[in-house]
Amino acid sequence: MLHVTEIRSRRLFVAAGAVAALLLAGCAADPEGAAPGSEVEAEGGGGGGTIRVAYLATGSSLPLFVAAEKYADEVGIDVELVEVASGNESITGVATAQYDAGFAGIGSAAYNAFDEGLPVQYVAPMHAGYIEDYFIMSSQLAGSSEEAAVLAEDMSQLAGETFAANAPGVVTEALLGFALERGGLSMDEIALEYIAFPDQVPALANGGIAGGILSEPFPTQAEQNGAGYRPWATPTDEPPMPFTGIIYNTDWADENPQLAEDFMRAYAMAAEDLAENGWDTEEMLALVKEYTGADPKIIAAARQHHIPADLSVDFDVLLRYQEFFMEQGSLNYGEIIPEEEIWNFTWRDAALEN
């Protein structure tokens, strides 16, 4: 019988010194037991067992919800979903074996954890999307999407203006940098503020920021209430960019290869389901509401997230992220690490083969 446990209480957790150091060194929040593996058969071939997975209560975590609710029982495992407050909390918890797996935005915290030698690796992508869906400009500068599109053709005129991302060292900061570059503007030519997604909406409305990076449903809400407008339409001929990924505690995964593979099998089935049927079906909207409390009507009206059915990622895009974070000074090391070392597809490949 599928057993999915949601733990919503906040926990105080003192991380190991190495983890604390890397999080303090330019890896602010975005995007959280007992020692894992105690309930499973290490090296077992028969499957079964419980996996503790950290998740964030946002719609982008839907692949985890689907894996737990629809497919974990099919592969014969239990999934204990534990809500955490940020991607950094997930990385810290996974690195220190508080959780077996979790989500993480593609950002400097995970890169620094890997460089630190901690047992954390990305093992599969979670959600993907487009810069065009996230970048939005203030209605004080452009009164429609058409006007925003004209303004975005040459943003060099906005040098010195304030733009916002939700936190330093996270994937959304990189998306802001890429959006500005597209319009002929660089990060060192703007005033950068770190503002939570919901708070960027009124800042767009009153002109406190010229533009920002907002995750759904906030850009849709901003457009609906006239606070800001996206200058670019969602591309129809380009693949989406990976934004978040699944991370494993690799010590746990090496000790429990069957459970690690079985979870990835359930996750791969969830990815195929979402890729084929969409993120906005009645069934999926109900899951988002259950785990996040979000209004299904608002989620349905927003531009949808994406996930590749084959759980593939573009290493060129990933390298572009790492180079951005190095340029911004949020990495604790000085030479690029090959992405093939940071991403470990052992369990994904085994799951797809089976």
Protein backbone atom coordinates (compact mmCIF):
# COMPACT_ATOMS: atom_id res chain seq x y z
CA MET A 1 0.00 0.00 0.00
CA LEU A 2 1.37 3.40 -0.96
CA HIS A 3 2.33 5.39 2.06
CA VAL A 4 3.06 9.08 1.47
CA THR A 5 3.81 11.18 4.50
CA GLU A 6 3.84 14.97 4.49
CA ILE A 7 5.83 16.60 7.26
CA ARG A 8 4.97 20.30 7.35
CA SER A 9 6.43 21.29 10.72
CA ARG A 10 9.55 23.41 10.65
CA ARG A 11 12.72 21.82 11.95
CA LEU A 12 15.90 23.29 13.39
CA PHE A 13 18.89 21.52 11.99
CA VAL A 14 22.57 22.22 12.60
CA ALA A 15 24.43 21.22 9.47
CA ALA A 16 27.96 19.90 9.31
CA GLY A 17 30.65 22.55 9.21
CA ALA A 18 31.45 22.03 5.56
CA VAL A 19 27.82 22.43 4.52
CA ALA A 20 27.36 25.54 6.63
CA ALA A 21 30.48 27.05 5.12
CA LEU A 22 29.41 26.49 1.54
CA LEU A 23 25.93 27.88 2.12
CA LEU A 24 27.35 31.01 3.70
CA ALA A 25 29.71 31.53 0.79
CA GLY A 26 27.35 33.02 -1.76
CA CYS A 27 24.62 30.38 -1.84
CA ALA A 28 21.49 32.07 -0.50
CA ALA A 29 18.11 30.36 -0.38
CA ASP A 30 16.05 30.00 -3.54
CA PRO A 31 15.33 27.40 -4.33
CA GLU A 32 15.88 20.32 3.88
CA GLY A 33 16.16 12.36 10.40
CA ALA A 34 17.21 9.44 10.83
CA ALA A 35 19.97 7.86 8.84
CA PRO A 36 18.54 6.77 5.49
CA GLY A 37 18.49 3.21 4.34
CA SER A 38 17.63 1.70 7.72
CA GLU A 39 14.32 0.36 6.42
CA VAL A 40 15.57 -1.06 3.13
CA GLU A 41 17.65 -3.94 1.90
CA ALA A 42 21.08 -2.64 0.95
CA GLU A 43 22.12 -4.30 -2.29
CA GLY A 44 18.72 -6.00 -2.31
CA GLY A 45 17.30 -7.22 -5.59
CA GLY A 46 13.66 -7.45 -4.60
CA GLY A 47 12.81 -3.77 -4.29
CA GLY A 48 10.74 -2.28 -1.49
CA GLY A 49 11.60 0.17 1.26
CA THR A 50 11.05 3.81 2.11
CA ILE A 51 12.79 6.79 0.59
CA ARG A 52 12.73 10.19 2.30
CA VAL A 53 12.46 13.01 -0.25
CA ALA A 54 12.65 16.75 0.44
CA TYR A 55 10.32 18.93 -1.62
CA LEU A 56 9.32 22.57 -1.92
CA ALA A 57 5.63 23.44 -1.89
CA THR A 58 5.51 24.88 -5.40
CA GLY A 59 4.01 23.67 -8.65
CA SER A 60 7.49 22.98 -10.03
CA SER A 61 7.71 20.02 -7.60
CA LEU A 62 4.78 18.30 -9.33
CA PRO A 63 6.94 15.47 -10.75
CA LEU A 64 7.73 14.44 -7.18
CA PHE A 65 4.06 14.51 -6.21
CA VAL A 66 3.12 12.39 -9.22
CA ALA A 67 5.90 9.89 -8.56
CA ALA A 68 4.78 9.49 -4.94
CA GLU A 69 1.04 9.41 -5.48
CA LYS A 70 0.72 7.52 -8.77
CA TYR A 71 3.77 5.37 -9.38
CA ALA A 72 5.58 4.53 -6.13
CA ASP A 73 3.10 1.78 -5.34
CA GLU A 74 3.53 0.36 -8.83
CA VAL A 75 7.28 -0.12 -8.31
CA GLY A 76 6.78 -1.33 -4.75
CA ILE A 77 8.25 1.46 -2.63
CA ASP A 78 7.05 3.99 -0.10
CA VAL A 79 7.84 7.67 -0.56
CA GLU A 80 7.97 9.98 2.45
CA LEU A 81 7.71 13.53 1.15
CA VAL A 82 9.10 16.12 3.57
CA GLU A 83 8.33 19.78 2.93
CA VAL A 84 11.30 22.14 3.23
CA ALA A 85 11.57 25.90 2.96
CA SER A 86 14.24 26.25 0.28
CA GLY A 87 16.51 24.50 -2.14
CA ASN A 88 19.44 25.09 0.19
CA GLU A 89 17.62 23.32 3.00
CA SER A 90 17.08 20.39 0.65
CA ILE A 91 20.75 20.31 -0.37
CA THR A 92 21.93 20.55 3.24
CA GLY A 93 19.56 17.80 4.35
CA VAL A 94 20.53 15.48 1.52
CA ALA A 95 24.26 16.16 1.94
CA THR A 96 24.10 15.29 5.64
CA ALA A 97 21.87 12.19 5.17
CA GLN A 98 18.80 13.74 6.76
CA TYR A 99 17.04 12.92 3.49
CA ASP A 100 17.86 10.35 0.84
CA ALA A 101 16.86 12.57 -2.07
CA GLY A 102 15.40 15.96 -2.78
CA PHE A 103 14.95 18.75 -5.28
CA ALA A 104 17.47 21.47 -5.97
CA GLY A 105 17.52 24.43 -8.27
CA ILE A 106 20.51 24.45 -10.61
CA GLY A 107 22.63 26.87 -8.64
CA SER A 108 25.81 27.58 -6.74
CA ALA A 109 24.83 25.75 -3.54
CA ALA A 110 24.78 22.37 -5.27
CA TYR A 111 27.93 23.16 -7.24
CA ASN A 112 29.75 24.16 -4.06
CA ALA A 113 28.51 21.06 -2.24
CA PHE A 114 29.91 18.84 -4.97
CA ASP A 115 33.22 20.71 -5.00
CA GLU A 116 33.36 20.34 -1.21
CA GLY A 117 33.35 16.56 -1.69
CA LEU A 118 29.94 16.09 -0.10
CA PRO A 119 27.86 13.08 -1.24
CA VAL A 120 25.45 15.11 -3.38
CA GLN A 121 24.87 14.83 -7.13
CA TYR A 122 22.10 15.73 -9.51
CA VAL A 123 20.61 12.50 -10.86
CA ALA A 124 17.74 13.73 -13.07
CA PRO A 125 16.11 16.99 -14.17
CA MET A 126 12.92 18.10 -12.42
CA HIS A 127 11.29 21.02 -14.16
CA ALA A 128 12.26 23.04 -17.18
CA GLY A 129 11.00 26.25 -18.75
CA TYR A 130 11.77 29.31 -20.80
CA ILE A 131 13.34 32.66 -19.98
CA GLU A 132 10.47 34.14 -21.97
CA ASP A 133 8.01 32.88 -19.34
CA TYR A 134 9.97 34.27 -16.38
CA PHE A 135 11.25 37.69 -17.48
CA ILE A 136 8.83 40.58 -17.00
CA MET A 137 9.06 44.38 -17.22
CA SER A 138 7.36 47.09 -15.17
CA SER A 139 4.12 48.59 -16.44
CA GLN A 140 5.63 51.95 -15.54
CA LEU A 141 7.96 51.44 -18.52
CA ALA A 142 5.69 49.52 -20.88
CA GLY A 143 1.90 49.42 -20.82
CA SER A 144 1.48 46.21 -22.79
CA SER A 145 3.36 43.13 -23.93
CA GLU A 146 3.83 44.81 -27.32
CA GLU A 147 5.42 47.88 -25.73
CA ALA A 148 7.56 45.64 -23.52
CA ALA A 149 8.76 43.76 -26.61
CA VAL A 150 9.89 47.01 -28.24
CA LEU A 151 11.67 48.11 -25.06
CA ALA A 152 13.37 44.72 -24.68
CA GLU A 153 14.94 44.95 -28.14
CA ASP A 154 17.53 47.33 -26.71
CA MET A 155 17.71 47.40 -22.93
CA SER A 156 20.99 49.32 -22.88
CA GLN A 157 18.85 52.39 -22.25
CA LEU A 158 17.95 50.84 -18.87
CA ALA A 159 21.54 50.85 -17.60
CA GLY A 160 21.53 51.88 -13.93
CA GLU A 161 17.94 50.78 -13.38
CA THR A 162 16.97 48.27 -10.69
CA PHE A 163 16.13 44.70 -11.63
CA ALA A 164 15.22 41.86 -9.30
CA ALA A 165 15.85 38.16 -8.78
CA ASN A 166 14.62 36.22 -5.77
CA ALA A 167 18.05 35.26 -4.37
CA PRO A 168 21.76 35.18 -5.20
CA GLY A 169 23.40 32.09 -6.65
CA VAL A 170 20.18 30.50 -7.88
CA VAL A 171 18.97 29.58 -11.33
CA THR A 172 16.61 32.55 -11.53
CA GLU A 173 19.51 34.97 -11.07
CA ALA A 174 21.17 33.32 -14.05
CA LEU A 175 17.96 33.65 -16.06
CA LEU A 176 17.93 37.37 -15.31
CA GLY A 177 21.49 37.65 -16.56
CA PHE A 178 20.61 35.81 -19.77
CA ALA A 179 17.53 37.98 -20.34
CA LEU A 180 19.51 41.18 -19.89
CA GLU A 181 22.22 39.90 -22.22
CA ARG A 182 19.57 39.27 -24.86
CA GLY A 183 18.66 42.96 -24.69
CA GLY A 184 22.24 44.25 -24.74
CA LEU A 185 22.58 44.83 -21.00
CA SER A 186 24.88 43.14 -18.48
CA MET A 187 24.51 42.37 -14.79
CA ASP A 188 27.24 44.82 -13.83
CA GLU A 189 25.34 47.65 -15.57
CA ILE A 190 22.22 47.37 -13.39
CA ALA A 191 21.28 47.73 -9.75
CA LEU A 192 20.36 44.24 -8.59
CA GLU A 193 17.91 43.65 -5.75
CA TYR A 194 16.95 40.30 -4.24
CA ILE A 195 13.19 40.31 -3.78
CA ALA A 196 10.87 37.37 -3.17
CA PHE A 197 8.62 36.48 -6.10
CA PRO A 198 5.34 37.71 -4.55
CA ASP A 199 6.93 41.03 -3.54
CA GLN A 200 8.20 41.69 -7.04
CA VAL A 201 4.63 42.10 -8.29
CA PRO A 202 3.90 45.37 -6.40
CA ALA A 203 7.46 46.54 -7.12
CA LEU A 204 6.73 46.15 -10.83
CA ALA A 205 3.45 48.00 -10.43
CA ASN A 206 4.93 51.03 -8.69
CA GLY A 207 8.13 51.17 -10.74
CA GLY A 208 10.35 50.16 -7.85
CA ILE A 209 12.00 47.73 -10.25
CA ALA A 210 12.32 48.00 -14.02
CA GLY A 211 11.99 44.27 -14.43
CA GLY A 212 12.55 40.94 -12.81
CA ILE A 213 12.47 37.18 -12.98
CA LEU A 214 9.26 35.66 -11.66
CA SER A 215 8.24 32.04 -11.41
CA GLU A 216 4.64 31.15 -12.20
CA PRO A 217 1.98 31.97 -11.23
CA PHE A 218 3.35 35.41 -10.33
CA PRO A 219 4.13 36.74 -13.83
CA THR A 220 0.64 35.76 -14.94
CA GLN A 221 -0.82 37.51 -11.90
CA ALA A 222 1.31 40.59 -12.65
CA GLU A 223 0.01 40.73 -16.21
CA GLN A 224 -3.58 40.19 -15.10
CA ASN A 225 -3.47 43.10 -12.66
CA GLY A 226 -1.42 45.38 -14.91
CA ALA A 227 1.73 45.38 -12.79
CA GLY A 228 4.03 44.27 -15.59
CA TYR A 229 4.27 42.56 -18.96
CA ARG A 230 6.40 39.84 -20.49
CA PRO A 231 8.09 41.05 -23.69
CA TRP A 232 8.54 37.64 -25.27
CA ALA A 233 6.16 34.81 -26.15
CA THR A 234 6.95 31.21 -25.23
CA PRO A 235 9.04 29.67 -28.04
CA THR A 236 7.45 26.86 -30.00
CA ASP A 237 10.59 25.62 -31.76
CA GLU A 238 13.13 25.50 -28.93
CA PRO A 239 13.52 23.00 -26.08
CA PRO A 240 12.97 24.35 -22.56
CA MET A 241 15.93 25.00 -20.30
CA PRO A 242 16.45 22.85 -17.18
CA PHE A 243 15.77 24.85 -14.02
CA THR A 244 15.73 22.31 -11.19
CA GLY A 245 16.92 18.76 -10.63
CA ILE A 246 16.63 15.74 -8.38
CA ILE A 247 19.59 15.18 -6.07
CA TYR A 248 20.62 11.98 -4.30
CA ASN A 249 22.77 11.41 -1.28
CA THR A 250 25.17 9.25 -3.25
CA ASP A 251 26.38 7.34 -0.19
CA TRP A 252 22.79 6.24 0.41
CA ALA A 253 22.23 5.46 -3.28
CA ASP A 254 25.40 3.37 -3.50
CA GLU A 255 24.35 1.42 -0.41
CA ASN A 256 20.74 1.02 -1.62
CA PRO A 257 20.99 0.69 -5.40
CA GLN A 258 17.67 -1.12 -5.84
CA LEU A 259 15.68 1.48 -3.90
CA ALA A 260 17.52 4.31 -5.69
CA GLU A 261 16.67 2.72 -9.03
CA ASP A 262 13.06 1.94 -8.07
CA PHE A 263 12.43 5.53 -7.05
CA MET A 264 13.91 6.68 -10.35
CA ARG A 265 11.59 4.26 -12.17
CA ALA A 266 8.57 5.85 -10.47
CA TYR A 267 9.99 9.30 -11.22
CA ALA A 268 10.57 8.44 -14.89
CA MET A 269 6.96 7.29 -15.20
CA ALA A 270 5.84 10.58 -13.66
CA ALA A 271 7.97 12.51 -16.15
CA GLU A 272 6.50 10.60 -19.08
CA ASP A 273 2.98 11.18 -17.74
CA LEU A 274 3.53 14.94 -17.43
CA ALA A 275 5.32 15.24 -20.78
CA GLU A 276 2.53 13.44 -22.60
CA ASN A 277 -0.55 14.72 -20.76
CA GLY A 278 0.52 18.14 -19.46
CA TRP A 279 0.85 19.79 -16.07
CA ASP A 280 -2.61 21.36 -16.13
CA THR A 281 -4.97 18.39 -16.26
CA GLU A 282 -7.61 18.14 -13.58
CA GLU A 283 -5.68 15.34 -11.91
CA MET A 284 -2.41 17.28 -11.81
CA LEU A 285 -4.02 20.51 -10.64
CA ALA A 286 -5.59 18.58 -7.77
CA LEU A 287 -2.17 17.30 -6.72
CA VAL A 288 -0.69 20.80 -6.83
CA LYS A 289 -3.54 22.06 -4.66
CA GLU A 290 -3.08 19.19 -2.20
CA TYR A 291 0.63 19.80 -1.71
CA THR A 292 0.87 23.57 -2.13
CA GLY A 293 -2.58 24.99 -1.41
CA ALA A 294 -2.46 26.93 -4.68
CA ASP A 295 -5.70 27.83 -6.46
CA PRO A 296 -6.04 25.43 -9.42
CA LYS A 297 -7.65 28.17 -11.53
CA ILE A 298 -4.58 30.39 -11.13
CA ILE A 299 -2.23 27.52 -11.92
CA ALA A 300 -4.28 26.55 -14.99
CA ALA A 301 -4.11 30.14 -16.29
CA ALA A 302 -0.32 30.31 -15.93
CA ARG A 303 2.23 29.29 -18.54
CA GLN A 304 3.02 25.66 -17.88
CA HIS A 305 6.22 24.00 -16.69
CA HIS A 306 7.91 21.24 -18.68
CA ILE A 307 9.85 18.04 -18.10
CA PRO A 308 11.58 15.85 -20.72
CA ALA A 309 10.01 12.40 -20.93
CA ASP A 310 13.47 10.83 -21.23
CA LEU A 311 14.88 12.87 -18.32
CA SER A 312 17.61 14.29 -20.52
CA VAL A 313 19.49 17.54 -19.92
CA ASP A 314 21.52 19.78 -22.19
CA PHE A 315 25.07 19.96 -20.82
CA ASP A 316 25.73 23.12 -22.84
CA VAL A 317 22.97 24.91 -20.93
CA LEU A 318 24.25 23.55 -17.63
CA LEU A 319 27.75 24.75 -18.41
CA ARG A 320 26.35 28.18 -19.20
CA TYR A 321 24.83 28.30 -15.71
CA GLN A 322 28.08 27.32 -14.02
CA GLU A 323 30.00 29.92 -15.98
CA PHE A 324 27.48 32.57 -14.96
CA PHE A 325 27.78 31.71 -11.26
CA MET A 326 31.57 31.80 -11.52
CA GLU A 327 31.42 35.23 -13.13
CA GLN A 328 29.12 36.41 -10.34
CA GLY A 329 31.54 35.14 -7.68
CA SER A 330 29.10 32.76 -6.02
CA LEU A 331 31.23 29.64 -6.49
CA ASN A 332 33.87 28.62 -3.98
CA TYR A 333 36.26 27.30 -6.62
CA GLY A 334 38.14 28.82 -9.53
CA GLU A 335 38.00 26.29 -12.36
CA ILE A 336 34.94 24.95 -14.17
CA ILE A 337 33.94 21.42 -13.12
CA PRO A 338 32.78 19.21 -16.01
CA GLU A 339 29.01 18.90 -15.78
CA GLU A 340 29.34 15.16 -16.44
CA GLU A 341 30.91 14.90 -12.98
CA ILE A 342 28.19 16.91 -11.24
CA TRP A 343 25.33 14.98 -12.89
CA ASN A 344 25.25 11.22 -12.29
CA PHE A 345 22.80 9.34 -14.50
CA THR A 346 23.58 5.84 -13.16
CA TRP A 347 20.14 5.35 -11.61
CA ARG A 348 18.24 7.17 -14.34
CA ASP A 349 19.79 4.99 -17.02
CA ALA A 350 19.14 1.81 -15.06
CA ALA A 351 15.53 2.83 -14.52
CA LEU A 352 14.95 3.66 -18.18
CA GLU A 353 16.46 0.36 -19.27
CA ASN A 354 13.95 -1.45 -17.05
